[in-house]
Protein backbone atom coordinates (compact mmCIF):
# COMPACT_ATOMS: atom_id res chain seq x y z
CA MET A 1 124.46 140.54 127.68
CA SER A 2 127.26 139.10 129.51
CA GLU A 3 126.40 135.32 129.04
CA GLU A 4 125.85 133.69 125.72
CA GLU A 5 122.70 132.10 125.29
CA PRO A 6 122.74 128.26 125.38
CA ASP A 7 121.90 125.93 122.17
CA ALA A 8 119.16 123.22 122.61
CA VAL A 9 120.69 119.92 123.74
CA GLU A 10 119.92 116.84 121.51
CA ALA A 11 118.02 113.91 123.18
CA PRO A 12 119.35 110.45 122.55
CA PRO A 13 117.39 107.74 120.88
CA TRP A 14 115.53 105.74 123.41
CA ARG A 15 117.22 102.43 124.60
CA PRO A 16 116.09 100.09 127.31
CA ASP A 17 118.87 100.98 129.55
CA LEU A 18 117.56 104.57 129.56
CA GLY A 19 114.35 103.27 131.52
CA PRO A 20 110.92 102.70 130.60
CA GLU A 21 110.02 103.65 126.81
CA PRO A 22 108.91 107.43 126.56
CA ARG A 23 105.26 108.04 125.68
CA MET A 24 105.10 109.61 122.22
CA ARG A 25 102.48 112.00 120.92
CA ARG A 26 102.07 112.95 117.36
CA TYR A 27 100.42 115.82 116.01
CA ASP A 28 97.74 115.89 113.13
CA THR A 29 98.67 119.62 112.72
CA PRO A 30 102.37 119.86 113.41
CA PRO A 31 103.09 122.91 115.80
CA LEU A 32 106.23 125.12 115.22
CA LEU A 33 108.94 125.81 117.36
CA LEU A 34 112.01 128.26 117.39
CA VAL A 35 114.82 126.28 118.54
CA ARG A 36 118.28 127.57 119.14
CA ILE A 37 120.76 125.52 117.25
CA GLU A 38 124.44 126.52 116.36
CA GLY A 39 124.05 130.05 117.88
CA ARG A 40 120.89 130.76 115.91
CA TRP A 41 117.10 130.59 116.28
CA ARG A 42 115.77 128.09 113.77
CA ARG A 43 112.18 127.65 112.83
CA CYS A 44 111.37 123.78 113.27
CA VAL A 45 108.12 121.44 112.60
CA VAL A 46 107.50 119.36 115.56
CA GLU A 47 106.67 115.94 114.57
CA ALA A 48 106.35 114.30 117.95
CA ARG A 49 106.92 114.89 121.67
CA SER A 50 108.05 112.20 123.72
CA ASP A 51 107.44 112.14 127.55
CA TRP A 52 110.20 110.25 129.41
CA ALA A 53 109.58 108.40 132.75
CA ASP A 54 111.80 110.84 134.73
CA GLY A 55 109.69 113.82 133.85
CA ARG A 56 111.90 115.09 130.79
CA VAL A 57 110.27 116.14 127.65
CA ALA A 58 111.86 115.93 124.27
CA TYR A 59 110.61 117.40 120.93
CA HIS A 60 111.33 115.33 117.54
CA VAL A 61 111.79 118.17 114.88
CA GLU A 62 112.34 118.54 111.19
CA LEU A 63 114.35 121.74 110.16
CA THR A 64 116.44 122.69 107.44
CA LEU A 65 120.19 123.70 108.10
CA PRO A 66 122.10 125.63 105.55
CA GLY A 67 124.58 123.47 103.49
CA VAL A 68 122.92 120.45 104.99
CA GLY A 69 119.30 120.31 104.06
CA THR A 70 116.50 118.65 105.78
CA VAL A 71 117.30 116.99 108.95
CA TYR A 72 115.26 115.28 111.79
CA ARG A 73 116.51 115.82 115.36
CA THR A 74 115.22 115.31 118.89
CA TYR A 75 115.93 118.26 121.52
CA TRP A 76 115.11 118.21 125.06
CA TRP A 77 112.68 120.83 126.38
CA ASP A 78 114.20 123.81 127.96
CA PRO A 79 112.48 127.37 127.74
CA ARG A 80 115.93 129.08 127.30
CA THR A 81 116.30 127.16 124.01
CA MET A 82 112.97 126.73 122.58
CA ARG A 83 109.85 128.86 122.26
CA PRO A 84 106.61 128.88 120.05
CA ALA A 85 107.02 130.28 116.63
CA PRO A 86 104.92 132.81 115.23
CA THR A 87 102.44 131.37 112.59
CA GLY A 88 101.23 134.35 110.91
CA ARG A 89 102.88 136.27 108.16
CA GLY A 90 104.06 139.87 108.70
């Protein structure tokens, strides 16, 4: 492949100057996503989804980074950098 795959882009925390407050959706049973971060696909637990007035969607995730530990980050939805994670064992 001639092009390097992109990493997910972090979304900023909402502030009034960014427009109307995003609509938040929290999950009773959090789904899992694979998110491309620092050149690797990482398994993330989705804590919430925010729908922004301009049509963008961001996912609030929990993940573990080597040497760092558990972190909470928010990434803009992009099908090139996010995909549903397999839930079964195998």
